[in-house]
N, C-alpha and C. Protein backbone atom coordinates (compact mmCIF):
# COMPACT_ATOMS: atom_id res chain seq x y z
N MET A 1 -13.32 19.88 -7.11
CA MET A 1 -14.52 19.72 -7.85
C MET A 1 -15.68 20.29 -7.12
N PRO A 2 -16.52 21.04 -7.87
CA PRO A 2 -17.74 21.56 -7.23
C PRO A 2 -18.75 20.50 -6.93
N GLY A 3 -19.52 20.67 -5.86
CA GLY A 3 -20.62 19.79 -5.57
C GLY A 3 -21.79 20.14 -6.48
N PRO A 4 -22.93 19.46 -6.27
CA PRO A 4 -24.10 19.75 -7.11
C PRO A 4 -24.56 21.21 -7.08
N SER A 5 -24.47 21.88 -5.96
CA SER A 5 -24.84 23.27 -5.86
C SER A 5 -23.94 24.17 -6.68
N GLY A 6 -22.66 23.83 -6.73
CA GLY A 6 -21.67 24.56 -7.57
C GLY A 6 -21.98 24.38 -8.99
N ILE A 7 -22.32 23.14 -9.38
CA ILE A 7 -22.68 22.88 -10.81
C ILE A 7 -23.92 23.59 -11.13
N LEU A 8 -24.89 23.65 -10.25
CA LEU A 8 -26.15 24.33 -10.48
C LEU A 8 -25.82 25.83 -10.72
N ALA A 9 -25.00 26.47 -9.95
CA ALA A 9 -24.59 27.83 -10.10
C ALA A 9 -23.97 28.11 -11.40
N THR A 10 -23.04 27.24 -11.87
CA THR A 10 -22.32 27.33 -13.12
C THR A 10 -23.33 27.14 -14.34
N ILE A 11 -24.17 26.13 -14.29
CA ILE A 11 -25.22 26.01 -15.37
C ILE A 11 -26.08 27.23 -15.46
N SER A 12 -26.50 27.79 -14.28
CA SER A 12 -27.41 28.90 -14.28
C SER A 12 -26.70 30.12 -14.87
N ALA A 13 -25.33 30.25 -14.67
CA ALA A 13 -24.67 31.46 -15.10
C ALA A 13 -24.06 31.31 -16.53
N SER A 14 -24.19 30.12 -17.11
CA SER A 14 -23.43 29.95 -18.35
C SER A 14 -24.24 30.12 -19.63
N GLY A 15 -23.49 30.43 -20.69
CA GLY A 15 -23.87 30.32 -22.02
C GLY A 15 -24.89 31.17 -22.65
N ALA A 16 -26.09 31.35 -22.12
CA ALA A 16 -27.10 32.01 -22.85
C ALA A 16 -27.58 33.30 -22.16
N PRO A 17 -28.34 34.12 -22.79
CA PRO A 17 -28.86 35.33 -22.21
C PRO A 17 -29.70 35.08 -20.91
N ASN A 18 -29.70 36.01 -20.04
CA ASN A 18 -30.46 35.99 -18.80
C ASN A 18 -30.02 34.86 -17.88
N GLY A 19 -28.81 34.41 -18.02
CA GLY A 19 -28.19 33.40 -17.11
C GLY A 19 -28.73 32.02 -17.31
N SER A 20 -29.41 31.73 -18.47
CA SER A 20 -29.94 30.40 -18.68
C SER A 20 -28.89 29.64 -19.46
N VAL A 21 -28.89 28.34 -19.32
CA VAL A 21 -27.94 27.53 -20.06
C VAL A 21 -28.38 27.47 -21.52
N GLY A 22 -27.42 27.36 -22.41
CA GLY A 22 -27.74 27.27 -23.83
C GLY A 22 -28.51 25.95 -24.13
N SER A 23 -29.38 26.01 -25.04
CA SER A 23 -30.25 24.91 -25.32
C SER A 23 -29.38 23.60 -25.83
N ASP A 24 -28.31 23.93 -26.54
CA ASP A 24 -27.42 22.87 -27.06
C ASP A 24 -26.77 22.14 -25.89
N SER A 25 -26.21 22.90 -24.98
CA SER A 25 -25.59 22.33 -23.74
C SER A 25 -26.58 21.61 -22.91
N ALA A 26 -27.77 22.13 -22.75
CA ALA A 26 -28.82 21.42 -21.96
C ALA A 26 -29.24 20.10 -22.64
N ARG A 27 -29.40 20.14 -23.92
CA ARG A 27 -29.73 18.89 -24.62
C ARG A 27 -28.65 17.84 -24.47
N HIS A 28 -27.41 18.23 -24.59
CA HIS A 28 -26.31 17.28 -24.48
C HIS A 28 -26.17 16.68 -23.06
N ILE A 29 -26.13 17.55 -22.13
CA ILE A 29 -25.94 17.04 -20.73
C ILE A 29 -27.21 16.30 -20.24
N GLY A 30 -28.35 16.79 -20.71
CA GLY A 30 -29.58 16.18 -20.33
C GLY A 30 -29.70 14.74 -20.92
N ALA A 31 -29.29 14.62 -22.15
CA ALA A 31 -29.28 13.24 -22.77
C ALA A 31 -28.31 12.32 -22.11
N TYR A 32 -27.17 12.86 -21.84
CA TYR A 32 -26.13 12.00 -21.12
C TYR A 32 -26.62 11.61 -19.74
N CYS A 33 -27.24 12.53 -19.08
CA CYS A 33 -27.68 12.20 -17.70
C CYS A 33 -28.84 11.22 -17.73
N ALA A 34 -29.70 11.34 -18.69
CA ALA A 34 -30.88 10.45 -18.79
C ALA A 34 -30.52 9.08 -19.19
N VAL A 35 -29.52 8.84 -20.08
CA VAL A 35 -29.22 7.53 -20.54
C VAL A 35 -27.97 6.90 -19.88
N GLY A 36 -27.02 7.76 -19.41
CA GLY A 36 -25.88 7.34 -18.61
C GLY A 36 -24.68 6.85 -19.49
N SER A 37 -24.71 7.03 -20.74
CA SER A 37 -23.52 6.64 -21.53
C SER A 37 -23.44 7.52 -22.81
N LEU A 38 -22.17 7.67 -23.23
CA LEU A 38 -21.96 8.45 -24.52
C LEU A 38 -22.63 7.89 -25.66
N ARG A 39 -22.42 6.58 -25.86
CA ARG A 39 -23.01 5.86 -27.02
C ARG A 39 -24.51 6.09 -27.10
N ARG A 40 -25.20 5.89 -26.00
CA ARG A 40 -26.60 5.99 -25.98
C ARG A 40 -27.04 7.42 -26.13
N ALA A 41 -26.30 8.37 -25.53
CA ALA A 41 -26.61 9.79 -25.73
C ALA A 41 -26.49 10.16 -27.19
N ALA A 42 -25.43 9.67 -27.86
CA ALA A 42 -25.29 10.02 -29.23
C ALA A 42 -26.42 9.38 -30.11
N GLU A 43 -26.86 8.17 -29.77
CA GLU A 43 -28.01 7.58 -30.47
C GLU A 43 -29.25 8.45 -30.31
N LEU A 44 -29.46 8.96 -29.11
CA LEU A 44 -30.56 9.83 -28.82
C LEU A 44 -30.53 11.12 -29.52
N LEU A 45 -29.35 11.80 -29.62
CA LEU A 45 -29.12 13.11 -30.15
C LEU A 45 -28.95 13.08 -31.64
N HIS A 46 -28.43 11.92 -32.19
CA HIS A 46 -28.23 11.67 -33.63
C HIS A 46 -26.92 12.21 -34.14
N PRO A 47 -26.04 12.94 -33.53
CA PRO A 47 -24.79 13.19 -34.11
C PRO A 47 -23.80 12.04 -33.85
N HIS A 48 -22.60 12.11 -34.39
CA HIS A 48 -21.65 11.10 -34.18
C HIS A 48 -21.17 11.02 -32.75
N GLN A 49 -20.84 9.90 -32.25
CA GLN A 49 -20.45 9.71 -30.84
C GLN A 49 -19.29 10.59 -30.46
N SER A 50 -18.37 10.79 -31.38
CA SER A 50 -17.17 11.71 -31.06
C SER A 50 -17.63 13.21 -30.97
N SER A 51 -18.66 13.59 -31.63
CA SER A 51 -19.14 14.94 -31.45
C SER A 51 -19.78 15.13 -30.14
N VAL A 52 -20.52 14.12 -29.66
CA VAL A 52 -21.16 14.23 -28.36
C VAL A 52 -20.10 14.15 -27.29
N ALA A 53 -19.09 13.34 -27.44
CA ALA A 53 -17.98 13.23 -26.48
C ALA A 53 -17.25 14.56 -26.37
N ARG A 54 -16.93 15.18 -27.48
CA ARG A 54 -16.32 16.41 -27.46
C ARG A 54 -17.12 17.58 -26.82
N ARG A 55 -18.39 17.62 -27.11
CA ARG A 55 -19.32 18.64 -26.52
C ARG A 55 -19.44 18.39 -24.99
N LEU A 56 -19.55 17.12 -24.55
CA LEU A 56 -19.64 16.86 -23.19
C LEU A 56 -18.39 17.17 -22.42
N GLU A 57 -17.24 17.01 -23.10
CA GLU A 57 -15.99 17.38 -22.49
C GLU A 57 -15.88 18.93 -22.30
N GLN A 58 -16.38 19.63 -23.25
CA GLN A 58 -16.39 21.12 -23.16
C GLN A 58 -17.29 21.55 -22.04
N ILE A 59 -18.46 20.98 -21.97
CA ILE A 59 -19.51 21.32 -20.94
C ILE A 59 -18.78 20.94 -19.56
N GLY A 60 -18.24 19.74 -19.45
CA GLY A 60 -17.56 19.30 -18.22
C GLY A 60 -16.50 20.29 -17.72
N ARG A 61 -15.66 20.81 -18.65
CA ARG A 61 -14.65 21.80 -18.28
C ARG A 61 -15.30 23.03 -17.78
N LYS A 62 -16.34 23.47 -18.47
CA LYS A 62 -17.06 24.71 -18.03
C LYS A 62 -17.63 24.51 -16.60
N LEU A 63 -18.15 23.30 -16.31
CA LEU A 63 -18.77 23.07 -15.05
C LEU A 63 -17.79 22.64 -13.98
N GLY A 64 -16.54 22.36 -14.38
CA GLY A 64 -15.53 21.91 -13.44
C GLY A 64 -15.74 20.44 -12.95
N VAL A 65 -16.37 19.62 -13.89
CA VAL A 65 -16.65 18.26 -13.59
C VAL A 65 -16.06 17.38 -14.67
N ALA A 66 -15.19 16.50 -14.32
CA ALA A 66 -14.57 15.51 -15.26
C ALA A 66 -15.51 14.37 -15.39
N LEU A 67 -16.27 14.36 -16.47
CA LEU A 67 -17.23 13.24 -16.69
C LEU A 67 -16.67 11.94 -16.73
N SER A 68 -15.35 11.80 -17.09
CA SER A 68 -14.63 10.59 -17.20
C SER A 68 -14.16 10.03 -15.86
N GLU A 69 -14.22 10.83 -14.85
CA GLU A 69 -13.90 10.33 -13.47
C GLU A 69 -15.05 9.63 -12.84
N GLN A 70 -14.77 8.76 -11.88
CA GLN A 70 -15.76 7.89 -11.31
C GLN A 70 -17.06 8.64 -10.83
N ASP A 71 -16.85 9.81 -10.18
CA ASP A 71 -18.03 10.49 -9.63
C ASP A 71 -18.51 11.63 -10.53
N GLY A 72 -17.82 11.81 -11.72
CA GLY A 72 -18.25 12.86 -12.59
C GLY A 72 -19.72 12.79 -13.12
N PRO A 73 -20.10 11.66 -13.64
CA PRO A 73 -21.43 11.54 -14.14
C PRO A 73 -22.49 11.74 -12.98
N VAL A 74 -22.25 11.29 -11.80
CA VAL A 74 -23.19 11.46 -10.73
C VAL A 74 -23.26 13.01 -10.42
N ARG A 75 -22.17 13.70 -10.28
CA ARG A 75 -22.15 15.10 -10.06
C ARG A 75 -22.92 15.81 -11.04
N ALA A 76 -22.62 15.45 -12.41
CA ALA A 76 -23.36 16.18 -13.49
C ALA A 76 -24.84 15.93 -13.46
N ARG A 77 -25.20 14.65 -13.17
CA ARG A 77 -26.61 14.33 -13.07
C ARG A 77 -27.29 15.13 -11.94
N LEU A 78 -26.70 15.16 -10.76
CA LEU A 78 -27.28 15.84 -9.70
C LEU A 78 -27.43 17.34 -9.99
N GLY A 79 -26.36 17.93 -10.53
CA GLY A 79 -26.37 19.34 -10.93
C GLY A 79 -27.46 19.61 -11.94
N PHE A 80 -27.60 18.76 -12.98
CA PHE A 80 -28.64 18.96 -13.98
C PHE A 80 -30.02 18.81 -13.38
N ILE A 81 -30.26 17.84 -12.48
CA ILE A 81 -31.56 17.71 -11.78
C ILE A 81 -31.83 18.98 -11.02
N LEU A 82 -30.89 19.47 -10.25
CA LEU A 82 -31.11 20.73 -9.45
C LEU A 82 -31.44 21.87 -10.35
N TRP A 83 -30.73 21.92 -11.50
CA TRP A 83 -30.99 23.08 -12.37
C TRP A 83 -32.41 23.00 -12.94
N ARG A 84 -32.89 21.81 -13.29
CA ARG A 84 -34.27 21.57 -13.77
C ARG A 84 -35.27 21.94 -12.82
N LEU A 85 -34.97 21.48 -11.50
CA LEU A 85 -35.96 21.77 -10.40
C LEU A 85 -35.98 23.24 -10.02
N SER A 86 -34.89 23.98 -10.36
CA SER A 86 -34.91 25.44 -10.01
C SER A 86 -35.46 26.27 -11.12
N ASP A 87 -36.25 25.60 -11.98
CA ASP A 87 -36.93 26.24 -12.99
C ASP A 87 -35.97 26.70 -14.14
N GLY A 88 -34.84 26.13 -14.20
CA GLY A 88 -33.87 26.47 -15.31
C GLY A 88 -34.22 25.79 -16.60
N GLY A 89 -34.94 24.65 -16.49
CA GLY A 89 -35.22 23.96 -17.75
C GLY A 89 -36.66 23.77 -17.86
């Protein structure tokens, strides 16, 4: 599994033009990192919980982070914070 800097590199290189992360991916991972649970992220984003779960699973695969594993959410949160601090968001 990549560490936070590896996640940062993947976020920076994924999805959208000019190496920026797609806004949909950023919204989903950002909501999940902010609230810490799928249910609460779905409430915040307004789609069904299964849609948020599926999207986060896709993002996790792309980042090489299993969000369902014990350290997955922490790695995702650190990577997202680093991405935001690096002027990605």
